[in-house]
Each structure stands twice: as structure tokens, then as C-alpha cells.
Amino acid sequence: MTASNPQVRKPRRRGWVALLPLALLALLMGVLGLSMGNFSQVPMTMVFLITSVAALFTLRGFAVQERLQVYSAGAGSTDLLLMVWIFVLAGAFAQSAKVMGAVSATVDFTMWLLPGSMLLAGLFVAACVVSLCMGTSVGTIVALVPVAVDMAARTSSSVPLMVGAVVGGSFFGDNLSFISDTTVAATRTQDCRMADKFRTNFRIVMPAAVVCFLIYMALGMQQEAGLAAAAPTEMYPLRILPYVAVLALAVSGVDVTLVLCIGLLLTGIIGVGQGSYSVAGWLQAMAQGVTGMGDLIIISMMAGGLLSVVRRGGGVTYLVRGLTRRVHSRRGAEWCMSALVAFTNCCTANNTVAILSVGSIARDISRRYGVSNRRAASLLDIWSCVVQGIIPYGAQLLMASGLAAISPVSIIPLLFYPFLLAVCAAVSMLLGGERRRKLTPEQAS
């Protein structure tokens, strides 16, 4: 008995210690942001470097070389490197399209089409529709953030506000779309039909989207005079073609890497053909875009290494054990599942991975306490998207901040939709989102 005691206590102690780097990350961001008086000036690379070094000390019982291997495995994981390639292509496409004039032409067309008061709300609706069709928030951000940045510059609007509208709208579709990987993961782990999950999800999501739209409408009306003054006098419809092609291909289900490659080719053909730049200028514009993604790539890799250390140290396991011990009712089961996927998302920075990590546990909890599978799938999807939408080291905010050349922390306070979605989900859980269903003998046991 004595010899086995350390084996029982050790994972819990390690799990508690493994979560300390995440607390340090939040503390550093808060302290530096307050001391500088501007959260957009927080040096994210240094924050993650300090936190990463501290995280290595939490791996008890590992040699120095083994700790570095754990960190490096996370920093160089297959999923992360795939995301890095998307960052590279997105940076090249964004800069070449900007130099060629595609962004300005798209903004000109949008401002000609919509009244000034509708630009901000229209940007949010566009992100909602595109993400719903594409099923991915990252692809939506890649396509629309450059437009939002140029629109903000042309109308003297807040860049974080415009970018926040795109990021928020991108999670509307990521959460609802039938082809979203989070929807697939949630419905499969909970053994639920997509249509059932969609209907349950829709009732929670739509109030948040409507309120968010009204907020953007109100903000747009305050700026209507300035927006109307910036209306374009001349348009270049051919330059819009790269963005139209990117959106059309993405909506049709083409892989995002291939979409960006085709978009790059179109910017070169149109830009060189219209004299926007030479072939050398096109290559130089792409090189500038890739270079501009340098900090974003470094931060992403350090975040991947940090979270790998947290997982290896037992942080996720510790959270799961601590939360599941406190479930005693159906409402408690819903809060437990939501907290599980939210905390796991903080540790993985990937909403799909978070759902897959706790999916089987959530299914057992829901069956035991009478939560329907569609309700469980909906809550897992919603809370993973809420957290993924507001963590500054998630791929979405890193991508958006990299394309907009601003700090991801500056976007967070203006992410109305994820916060409203969290409020709607919490109210639904407090009020009892569905009737209590009768348990089958298998579920009761």
C-alpha cells in the first residue's frame, strides 16, 4: 500500500502544477497591458518565451533533454505546421492582393453597395454567411480581414473593431455549419444527428447573432457621416476577382491551401496584366507578406510547445478529474461538460481537439444525468467556439492580428459575438434548455 501511494498522488500534483504556465500567461498579459496603458503594445513573443521557459520547470521527473523534446514535439506538430503553411500563404496572398489593388477595389465596391451605417453590420453578416458556407473560421478570416483593415483605414474607423466583426462572424458558421470540423466532432462523439444538433444550436446562437448585429448597426449609425464621406468615385471590378475566386472556391469545399495558391496566381496574372506591378514586384510583394507573418509563426510554435508541456504534465487530466467529481444533477452535468471543453480548449488552443478530447467523457455524463445527445453536442460546440474565439494564442486571433498588424489582445474586448454567445448559452443552461427526459435502464445504470 505504501509503495502505491505516490503513484496515486503524483498525477494530481503534477496536473495542478502543469496549469501554472497558463495562469502565468494570463498574469503577464494583464500586468504588461496595464503597465503600458495599452494592451496592443504587449510584446507577445516575449510573453510566450517567458511562459514557455517557466513551463519546462513544471515537468517533474524529466531530464532537461526530455523536457525540450516534449516542447519541440508540440511546437513542430503536424497540425501546427500545416497551420504555419496556411499563415505563409495567407500573408503572401494578403500583401500581393493589397499591392495589386484587390483590397481597395473590394472595399470600393462594398462602400458603393451598402449605406454608410450598414458597413460594420454588413461586414459581420458577410463573415457569418461565408463561414457558414465554408465551415471554417480561419478561411473566413483569411478572406475578409484584409478587406476589414482597408475599410477601417478608408473610413477612419477602429481597426480592432472592424477585425473583431469578422472574427466574431467567422465563429457563427464555425459553430453552425454542417461541414465544420467542430460540428462533425461534436455530433460524432455524442452519437447525434447533425440536423438535431443544428436545431438545438440555432435557438441559442441566433439571439446572440441578432443582438450583435444590432450593436454593429448602432455603432455604424454613429459613424455614418464619416463613412458616407469616404464613398468611392471610381471602381475596378476586375481587381475584385481574386477575392471572389477565393470565396467561391472555399465555399465549394476546396482545401484552403489550394484556394490560397489559386488566389496568389490570380493576383499575379491580373496585377501584372494591369500594370500594378511587374513579375519581380509581384514576387517582392509576396515575400513581404511572408516576412510579415514571422512573429505570428514564432508565437504559434511557442504556443504549441507550451500547450504540449501542459498536456504532458497532466493539466487536462487534472481538470477532467476535478470537474467530474462535482456532478450531481442534469444542470450540473451541463455545466460540467461546458467547463470541461472550455478548459481543455484553453490547454489545446484548438476547439476540434478539445471536443475530441472530452467527447467520450461528456457522452457518459450526459447519459447518466439525462442530457440529450443533441444538447450535449450543442454545448460542446458552443463553448469550444466561445473559448477559441477569445484566447489570444488561438489560430484565429493570431491570424487576424497578423493580417491586420495589431496585437490579438486589442481585438478581444471588441469580440461582441463570442461574449454574447457565452451569455446566451449560460442563460439557456440556467433556465434549463430542454425538458428532463426519461432515462432508459441502460442509462440509469
Protein backbone atom coordinates (compact mmCIF):
# COMPACT_ATOMS: atom_id res chain seq x y z
CA MET A 1 0.00 0.00 0.00
CA THR A 2 2.80 2.41 0.89
CA ALA A 3 4.62 1.85 -2.38
CA SER A 4 1.48 2.53 -4.41
CA ASN A 5 0.56 5.83 -2.70
CA PRO A 6 3.00 8.02 -4.65
CA GLN A 7 1.58 6.67 -7.91
CA VAL A 8 -1.91 7.83 -6.88
CA ARG A 9 -0.91 11.32 -5.70
CA LYS A 10 1.68 12.14 -8.30
CA PRO A 11 -0.62 12.80 -11.32
CA ARG A 12 -2.80 15.17 -9.28
CA ARG A 13 0.16 17.17 -8.05
CA ARG A 14 1.67 17.27 -11.49
CA GLY A 15 -1.66 18.19 -13.03
CA TRP A 16 -2.06 21.16 -10.69
CA VAL A 17 1.47 22.33 -11.36
CA ALA A 18 1.05 21.85 -15.11
CA LEU A 19 -1.68 24.51 -15.20
CA LEU A 20 0.53 27.18 -13.65
CA PRO A 21 2.03 28.30 -17.01
CA LEU A 22 -1.44 29.21 -18.28
CA ALA A 23 -2.04 31.29 -15.15
CA LEU A 24 1.35 32.94 -15.67
CA LEU A 25 0.45 33.67 -19.29
CA ALA A 26 -2.73 35.47 -18.28
CA LEU A 27 -0.91 37.32 -15.46
CA LEU A 28 1.87 38.56 -17.72
CA MET A 29 -0.58 39.78 -20.36
CA GLY A 30 -2.64 41.61 -17.74
CA VAL A 31 0.28 43.19 -15.88
CA LEU A 32 2.12 44.28 -19.03
CA GLY A 33 -1.04 45.62 -20.62
CA LEU A 34 -1.93 47.71 -17.56
CA SER A 35 1.63 48.95 -17.03
CA MET A 36 1.93 50.04 -20.68
CA GLY A 37 -1.54 51.55 -20.69
CA ASN A 38 -2.30 49.78 -23.97
CA PHE A 39 -2.83 46.05 -24.38
CA SER A 40 -1.99 46.31 -28.08
CA GLN A 41 1.61 47.08 -27.13
CA VAL A 42 2.12 43.86 -25.16
CA PRO A 43 5.15 42.02 -26.66
CA MET A 44 3.50 38.67 -27.28
CA THR A 45 6.69 36.92 -28.36
CA MET A 46 8.40 37.72 -25.05
CA VAL A 47 5.30 36.77 -23.04
CA PHE A 48 5.25 33.33 -24.65
CA LEU A 49 9.02 32.95 -24.35
CA ILE A 50 8.96 33.62 -20.59
CA THR A 51 5.93 31.37 -20.12
CA SER A 52 7.49 28.59 -22.19
CA VAL A 53 10.69 28.60 -20.12
CA ALA A 54 8.63 28.54 -16.92
CA ALA A 55 6.53 25.65 -18.27
CA LEU A 56 9.62 23.48 -18.75
CA PHE A 57 10.24 23.60 -14.99
CA THR A 58 6.79 22.09 -14.29
CA LEU A 59 7.72 18.73 -15.82
CA ARG A 60 8.87 16.92 -12.69
CA GLY A 61 10.91 13.79 -13.15
CA PHE A 62 12.00 14.62 -16.72
CA ALA A 63 15.58 15.23 -17.81
CA VAL A 64 16.31 18.59 -19.46
CA GLN A 65 16.61 16.94 -22.87
CA GLU A 66 13.28 15.15 -22.41
CA ARG A 67 11.55 18.40 -21.46
CA LEU A 68 12.87 20.09 -24.58
CA GLN A 69 11.71 17.13 -26.68
CA VAL A 70 8.16 17.43 -25.29
CA TYR A 71 8.16 21.15 -26.02
CA SER A 72 9.63 20.72 -29.51
CA ALA A 73 7.15 17.96 -30.38
CA GLY A 74 4.29 20.35 -29.65
CA ALA A 75 5.93 23.26 -31.46
CA GLY A 76 6.51 21.11 -34.54
CA SER A 77 3.36 19.01 -34.57
CA THR A 78 1.81 18.13 -37.91
CA ASP A 79 -1.35 20.17 -37.31
CA LEU A 80 0.64 23.21 -36.24
CA LEU A 81 3.00 23.05 -39.21
CA LEU A 82 0.01 22.80 -41.54
CA MET A 83 -1.33 25.95 -39.93
CA VAL A 84 2.07 27.62 -40.39
CA TRP A 85 1.92 26.90 -44.13
CA ILE A 86 -1.52 28.49 -44.21
CA PHE A 87 -0.10 31.53 -42.42
CA VAL A 88 2.68 31.78 -45.02
CA LEU A 89 0.28 31.54 -47.96
CA ALA A 90 -2.20 33.90 -46.32
CA GLY A 91 0.50 36.52 -45.74
CA ALA A 92 1.71 36.26 -49.34
CA PHE A 93 -1.84 36.47 -50.73
CA ALA A 94 -2.87 39.37 -48.49
CA GLN A 95 0.15 41.51 -49.39
CA SER A 96 0.14 40.75 -53.12
CA ALA A 97 -3.61 41.43 -53.28
CA LYS A 98 -3.13 44.69 -51.40
CA VAL A 99 -0.33 45.92 -53.68
CA MET A 100 -2.27 44.83 -56.76
CA GLY A 101 -5.31 46.82 -55.59
CA ALA A 102 -7.71 43.95 -54.90
CA VAL A 103 -8.42 45.03 -51.34
CA SER A 104 -9.13 48.65 -52.27
CA ALA A 105 -11.34 47.58 -55.16
CA THR A 106 -13.33 45.25 -52.91
CA VAL A 107 -13.78 47.97 -50.30
CA ASP A 108 -14.83 50.44 -53.01
CA PHE A 109 -17.49 48.04 -54.24
CA THR A 110 -18.73 47.34 -50.71
CA MET A 111 -18.97 51.02 -49.83
CA TRP A 112 -20.80 51.71 -53.11
CA LEU A 113 -23.22 48.84 -52.49
CA LEU A 114 -24.04 49.49 -48.80
CA PRO A 115 -25.09 52.65 -46.97
CA GLY A 116 -22.55 54.00 -44.50
CA SER A 117 -24.46 52.83 -41.44
CA MET A 118 -24.51 49.26 -42.73
CA LEU A 119 -20.79 48.75 -43.41
CA LEU A 120 -19.86 47.40 -39.98
CA ALA A 121 -23.02 45.29 -39.65
CA GLY A 122 -22.63 44.16 -43.26
CA LEU A 123 -19.08 43.02 -42.58
CA PHE A 124 -20.35 40.92 -39.66
CA VAL A 125 -23.15 39.40 -41.77
CA ALA A 126 -20.70 38.66 -44.59
CA ALA A 127 -18.42 36.81 -42.16
CA CYS A 128 -21.42 34.85 -40.82
CA VAL A 129 -22.54 33.80 -44.30
CA VAL A 130 -19.07 32.97 -45.60
CA SER A 131 -18.16 30.93 -42.53
CA LEU A 132 -21.50 29.11 -42.67
CA CYS A 133 -20.78 28.11 -46.26
CA MET A 134 -17.11 27.34 -45.72
CA GLY A 135 -17.39 25.69 -42.32
CA THR A 136 -14.12 27.24 -41.17
CA SER A 137 -13.34 30.36 -39.19
CA VAL A 138 -9.71 30.52 -40.33
CA GLY A 139 -10.64 30.58 -44.01
CA THR A 140 -13.18 33.34 -43.39
CA ILE A 141 -10.61 35.42 -41.53
CA VAL A 142 -8.05 34.99 -44.30
CA ALA A 143 -10.56 36.19 -46.89
CA LEU A 144 -12.20 39.10 -45.06
CA VAL A 145 -9.72 40.62 -42.58
CA PRO A 146 -7.70 42.43 -45.30
CA VAL A 147 -10.96 43.97 -46.52
CA ALA A 148 -11.87 44.98 -42.97
CA VAL A 149 -8.46 46.61 -42.40
CA ASP A 150 -8.61 48.66 -45.59
CA MET A 151 -12.21 49.61 -44.87
CA ALA A 152 -11.19 50.85 -41.41
CA ALA A 153 -8.38 52.94 -42.90
CA ARG A 154 -10.66 54.46 -45.54
CA THR A 155 -13.39 55.37 -43.05
CA SER A 156 -11.18 56.34 -40.06
CA SER A 157 -12.79 53.52 -38.07
CA SER A 158 -11.21 51.36 -35.39
CA VAL A 159 -9.17 48.54 -36.93
CA PRO A 160 -9.71 46.19 -33.93
CA LEU A 161 -13.47 46.88 -34.14
CA MET A 162 -13.63 46.01 -37.84
CA VAL A 163 -11.44 42.94 -37.40
CA GLY A 164 -13.49 41.89 -34.37
CA ALA A 165 -16.64 41.91 -36.51
CA VAL A 166 -15.01 39.49 -38.95
CA VAL A 167 -13.61 37.20 -36.24
CA GLY A 168 -16.94 37.09 -34.41
CA GLY A 169 -18.89 36.36 -37.58
CA SER A 170 -16.41 33.66 -38.55
CA PHE A 171 -17.36 31.67 -35.44
CA PHE A 172 -21.06 31.87 -36.30
CA GLY A 173 -20.53 29.48 -39.19
CA ASP A 174 -17.79 27.52 -37.47
CA ASN A 175 -20.33 26.68 -34.80
CA LEU A 176 -23.35 26.02 -37.04
CA SER A 177 -22.13 24.78 -40.41
CA PHE A 178 -22.77 21.15 -41.32
CA ILE A 179 -19.29 20.89 -42.82
CA SER A 180 -17.48 22.46 -39.85
CA ASP A 181 -14.97 20.14 -38.19
CA THR A 182 -16.30 21.14 -34.76
CA THR A 183 -19.83 20.13 -35.78
CA VAL A 184 -18.57 16.81 -37.10
CA ALA A 185 -16.55 16.16 -33.93
CA ALA A 186 -19.42 17.13 -31.59
CA THR A 187 -22.08 15.07 -33.34
CA ARG A 188 -19.88 12.01 -33.74
CA THR A 189 -18.66 11.94 -30.15
CA GLN A 190 -22.22 12.38 -28.86
CA ASP A 191 -23.81 9.99 -31.37
CA CYS A 192 -26.13 12.72 -32.60
CA ARG A 193 -27.70 13.65 -35.96
CA MET A 194 -26.35 16.89 -37.41
CA ALA A 195 -29.85 18.21 -38.09
CA ASP A 196 -30.86 17.71 -34.44
CA LYS A 197 -27.73 19.44 -33.19
CA PHE A 198 -28.27 22.30 -35.65
CA ARG A 199 -31.82 22.96 -34.41
CA THR A 200 -30.75 22.89 -30.78
CA ASN A 201 -27.74 25.08 -31.52
CA PHE A 202 -29.71 27.54 -33.62
CA ARG A 203 -32.03 28.50 -30.76
CA ILE A 204 -29.03 29.55 -28.65
CA VAL A 205 -26.93 31.11 -31.39
CA MET A 206 -29.48 33.31 -33.17
CA PRO A 207 -30.28 35.65 -30.24
CA ALA A 208 -26.55 36.33 -29.86
CA ALA A 209 -26.16 36.99 -33.61
CA VAL A 210 -29.20 39.30 -33.73
CA VAL A 211 -28.08 41.35 -30.72
CA CYS A 212 -24.57 41.56 -32.15
CA PHE A 213 -25.97 42.77 -35.50
CA LEU A 214 -27.99 45.48 -33.72
CA ILE A 215 -24.89 46.62 -31.83
CA TYR A 216 -22.97 46.98 -35.08
CA MET A 217 -25.92 48.83 -36.62
CA ALA A 218 -25.93 51.30 -33.72
CA LEU A 219 -22.17 51.81 -33.95
CA GLY A 220 -22.45 52.27 -37.72
CA MET A 221 -25.11 54.97 -37.35
CA GLN A 222 -22.81 56.93 -35.05
CA GLN A 223 -20.15 56.95 -37.78
CA GLU A 224 -22.47 57.32 -40.78
CA ALA A 225 -21.36 60.84 -41.73
CA GLY A 226 -17.70 59.90 -41.93
CA LEU A 227 -18.47 56.70 -43.79
CA ALA A 228 -20.58 58.46 -46.38
CA ALA A 229 -17.81 61.00 -47.00
CA ALA A 230 -15.46 58.15 -47.86
CA ALA A 231 -17.69 56.76 -50.63
CA PRO A 232 -15.67 55.85 -53.76
CA THR A 233 -15.93 57.66 -57.08
CA GLU A 234 -14.22 55.04 -59.28
CA MET A 235 -14.18 51.23 -59.19
CA TYR A 236 -12.06 48.48 -60.74
CA PRO A 237 -14.24 45.35 -60.88
CA LEU A 238 -11.55 43.10 -62.39
CA ARG A 239 -9.34 43.56 -59.34
CA ILE A 240 -12.06 42.03 -57.16
CA LEU A 241 -11.72 38.72 -59.00
CA PRO A 242 -9.04 37.20 -56.67
CA TYR A 243 -11.30 37.65 -53.63
CA VAL A 244 -14.37 36.42 -55.46
CA ALA A 245 -12.43 33.35 -56.59
CA VAL A 246 -11.07 32.70 -53.10
CA LEU A 247 -14.55 32.90 -51.55
CA ALA A 248 -16.18 30.81 -54.29
CA LEU A 249 -13.54 28.07 -54.12
CA ALA A 250 -13.58 27.98 -50.33
CA VAL A 251 -17.38 27.77 -50.23
CA SER A 252 -17.28 24.92 -52.75
CA GLY A 253 -15.13 22.90 -50.37
CA VAL A 254 -11.67 23.27 -51.95
CA ASP A 255 -8.82 22.93 -49.43
CA VAL A 256 -7.71 26.29 -48.05
CA THR A 257 -4.07 25.82 -49.12
CA LEU A 258 -5.11 25.22 -52.72
CA VAL A 259 -7.53 28.15 -52.52
CA LEU A 260 -4.74 30.49 -51.45
CA CYS A 261 -2.40 29.20 -54.16
CA ILE A 262 -5.03 29.90 -56.83
CA GLY A 263 -5.65 33.31 -55.30
CA LEU A 264 -1.93 34.08 -55.46
CA LEU A 265 -1.80 33.08 -59.12
CA LEU A 266 -4.75 35.35 -59.94
CA THR A 267 -3.19 38.34 -58.17
CA GLY A 268 -0.07 37.82 -60.30
CA ILE A 269 -1.94 37.49 -63.59
CA ILE A 270 -4.25 40.47 -63.00
CA GLY A 271 -1.65 42.64 -61.29
CA VAL A 272 0.99 42.14 -63.99
CA GLY A 273 -1.61 42.40 -66.76
CA GLN A 274 -2.97 45.72 -65.49
CA GLY A 275 0.46 47.14 -64.68
CA SER A 276 0.04 47.19 -60.90
CA TYR A 277 3.46 45.59 -60.64
CA SER A 278 5.99 43.61 -62.64
CA VAL A 279 6.68 39.92 -62.09
CA ALA A 280 9.58 40.92 -59.83
CA GLY A 281 7.27 43.30 -57.96
CA TRP A 282 4.70 40.53 -57.51
CA LEU A 283 7.34 38.22 -56.03
CA GLN A 284 8.60 41.02 -53.80
CA ALA A 285 5.07 41.70 -52.53
CA MET A 286 4.63 38.01 -51.67
CA ALA A 287 7.99 37.98 -49.89
CA GLN A 288 6.94 40.99 -47.80
CA GLY A 289 3.72 39.23 -46.86
CA VAL A 290 5.55 36.10 -45.74
CA THR A 291 8.07 38.15 -43.73
CA GLY A 292 5.23 40.00 -42.04
CA MET A 293 3.96 36.69 -40.70
CA GLY A 294 7.25 35.96 -38.89
CA ASP A 295 6.12 36.98 -35.39
CA LEU A 296 2.81 35.16 -35.86
CA ILE A 297 4.58 31.92 -36.82
CA ILE A 298 7.00 32.15 -33.88
CA ILE A 299 4.17 32.81 -31.41
CA SER A 300 2.15 29.91 -32.83
CA MET A 301 5.04 27.48 -32.43
CA MET A 302 5.80 28.63 -28.90
CA ALA A 303 2.11 28.31 -28.01
CA GLY A 304 2.10 24.77 -29.43
CA GLY A 305 5.14 23.83 -27.36
CA LEU A 306 3.72 25.40 -24.22
CA LEU A 307 0.41 23.58 -24.51
CA SER A 308 2.22 20.31 -25.23
CA VAL A 309 4.04 20.67 -21.91
CA VAL A 310 0.75 21.41 -20.13
CA ARG A 311 -0.85 18.27 -21.58
CA ARG A 312 2.17 16.09 -20.84
CA GLY A 313 2.26 17.35 -17.28
CA GLY A 314 -1.30 16.14 -16.72
CA GLY A 315 -3.08 19.50 -16.79
CA VAL A 316 -6.03 18.30 -18.88
CA THR A 317 -6.40 15.10 -16.85
CA TYR A 318 -6.38 17.10 -13.63
CA LEU A 319 -9.17 19.36 -14.90
CA VAL A 320 -11.30 16.43 -16.03
CA ARG A 321 -11.00 14.62 -12.69
CA GLY A 322 -11.66 17.76 -10.67
CA LEU A 323 -14.78 18.76 -12.59
CA THR A 324 -16.43 15.36 -12.95
CA ARG A 325 -16.33 14.78 -9.17
CA ARG A 326 -18.80 17.62 -8.68
CA VAL A 327 -21.64 16.46 -10.94
CA HIS A 328 -24.90 15.68 -9.10
CA SER A 329 -27.74 16.81 -11.41
CA ARG A 330 -28.70 17.35 -15.03
CA ARG A 331 -27.94 21.06 -14.80
CA GLY A 332 -24.67 20.28 -13.09
CA ALA A 333 -23.87 17.83 -15.87
CA GLU A 334 -24.37 20.56 -18.48
CA TRP A 335 -22.11 22.97 -16.59
CA CYS A 336 -19.53 20.24 -16.14
CA MET A 337 -19.42 19.34 -19.83
CA SER A 338 -19.19 23.01 -20.76
CA ALA A 339 -16.39 23.68 -18.29
CA LEU A 340 -14.53 20.57 -19.44
CA VAL A 341 -14.46 21.56 -23.09
CA ALA A 342 -13.73 25.22 -22.25
CA PHE A 343 -10.74 24.46 -20.02
CA THR A 344 -9.46 21.81 -22.39
CA ASN A 345 -9.68 24.34 -25.22
CA CYS A 346 -7.54 26.72 -23.17
CA CYS A 347 -4.94 23.96 -22.90
CA THR A 348 -5.05 22.87 -26.54
CA ALA A 349 -5.91 26.13 -28.39
CA ASN A 350 -7.92 24.00 -30.82
CA ASN A 351 -11.69 23.67 -30.48
CA THR A 352 -11.91 20.46 -32.52
CA VAL A 353 -9.17 18.78 -30.47
CA ALA A 354 -10.88 19.94 -27.26
CA ILE A 355 -14.18 18.34 -28.31
CA LEU A 356 -12.49 15.10 -29.29
CA SER A 357 -10.51 15.05 -26.02
CA VAL A 358 -13.55 15.24 -23.72
CA GLY A 359 -16.21 13.84 -26.07
CA SER A 360 -16.40 10.35 -24.59
CA ILE A 361 -16.43 11.70 -21.02
CA ALA A 362 -19.18 14.17 -21.92
CA ARG A 363 -21.23 11.38 -23.50
CA ASP A 364 -21.01 9.29 -20.33
CA ILE A 365 -22.01 12.27 -18.19
CA SER A 366 -24.95 13.19 -20.43
CA ARG A 367 -26.30 9.65 -20.47
CA ARG A 368 -26.01 9.30 -16.74
CA TYR A 369 -27.82 12.54 -15.90
CA GLY A 370 -30.41 12.66 -18.69
CA VAL A 371 -28.91 15.28 -21.02
CA SER A 372 -29.93 14.58 -24.61
CA ASN A 373 -27.18 13.87 -27.11
CA ARG A 374 -28.17 16.86 -29.27
CA ARG A 375 -27.99 19.14 -26.25
CA ALA A 376 -24.58 17.76 -25.25
CA ALA A 377 -23.24 18.15 -28.80
CA SER A 378 -24.54 21.70 -28.96
CA LEU A 379 -22.96 22.75 -25.65
CA LEU A 380 -19.61 21.19 -26.54
CA ASP A 381 -19.56 23.02 -29.87
CA ILE A 382 -20.71 26.36 -28.46
CA TRP A 383 -18.31 26.58 -25.52
CA SER A 384 -15.33 25.38 -27.53
CA CYS A 385 -16.02 28.09 -30.10
CA VAL A 386 -16.52 30.73 -27.40
CA VAL A 387 -13.13 29.99 -25.85
CA GLN A 388 -11.36 29.55 -29.18
CA GLY A 389 -12.71 32.92 -30.25
CA ILE A 390 -11.26 34.89 -27.32
CA ILE A 391 -7.93 33.26 -26.45
CA PRO A 392 -5.11 35.45 -27.82
CA TYR A 393 -2.96 32.44 -28.71
CA GLY A 394 -5.60 30.68 -30.80
CA ALA A 395 -5.06 30.35 -34.55
CA GLN A 396 -7.99 32.65 -35.37
CA LEU A 397 -6.89 35.69 -33.36
CA LEU A 398 -3.26 35.13 -34.28
CA MET A 399 -4.18 35.02 -37.96
CA ALA A 400 -6.42 38.09 -37.71
CA SER A 401 -3.87 40.12 -35.76
CA GLY A 402 -1.09 39.11 -38.15
CA LEU A 403 -3.06 40.20 -41.21
CA ALA A 404 -4.11 43.45 -39.51
CA ALA A 405 -0.68 44.15 -37.96
CA ILE A 406 -2.18 44.67 -34.50
CA SER A 407 -1.99 42.83 -31.19
CA PRO A 408 -4.50 39.98 -30.67
CA VAL A 409 -5.15 41.35 -27.19
CA SER A 410 -6.51 44.59 -28.67
CA ILE A 411 -9.22 42.65 -30.54
CA ILE A 412 -10.55 40.70 -27.55
CA PRO A 413 -12.62 43.50 -25.88
CA LEU A 414 -14.38 44.12 -29.22
CA LEU A 415 -15.36 40.49 -29.86
CA PHE A 416 -19.05 41.06 -29.18
CA TYR A 417 -20.35 37.85 -30.72
CA PRO A 418 -18.32 35.27 -28.71
CA PHE A 419 -19.19 37.03 -25.45
CA LEU A 420 -22.87 37.32 -26.37
CA LEU A 421 -22.86 33.65 -27.36
CA ALA A 422 -21.43 32.77 -23.94
CA VAL A 423 -24.19 34.78 -22.25
CA CYS A 424 -26.94 33.12 -24.31
CA ALA A 425 -25.53 29.65 -23.61
CA ALA A 426 -25.24 30.38 -19.89
CA VAL A 427 -28.82 31.70 -19.72
CA SER A 428 -30.05 28.61 -21.56
CA MET A 429 -28.30 26.38 -19.05
CA LEU A 430 -29.56 28.35 -16.05
CA LEU A 431 -33.15 28.28 -17.30
CA GLY A 432 -32.98 24.61 -18.24
CA GLY A 433 -32.63 24.49 -22.01
CA GLU A 434 -34.72 21.35 -22.51
CA ARG A 435 -37.17 19.19 -20.66
CA ARG A 436 -35.86 16.46 -18.50
CA ARG A 437 -36.11 13.20 -20.41
CA LYS A 438 -36.75 9.75 -19.04
CA LEU A 439 -33.72 7.54 -18.71
CA THR A 440 -33.54 4.12 -20.25
CA PRO A 441 -32.50 1.26 -17.95
CA GLU A 442 -29.03 1.27 -19.60
CA GLN A 443 -28.57 4.99 -18.99
CA ALA A 444 -29.83 4.80 -15.45
CA SER A 445 -27.31 2.12 -14.63
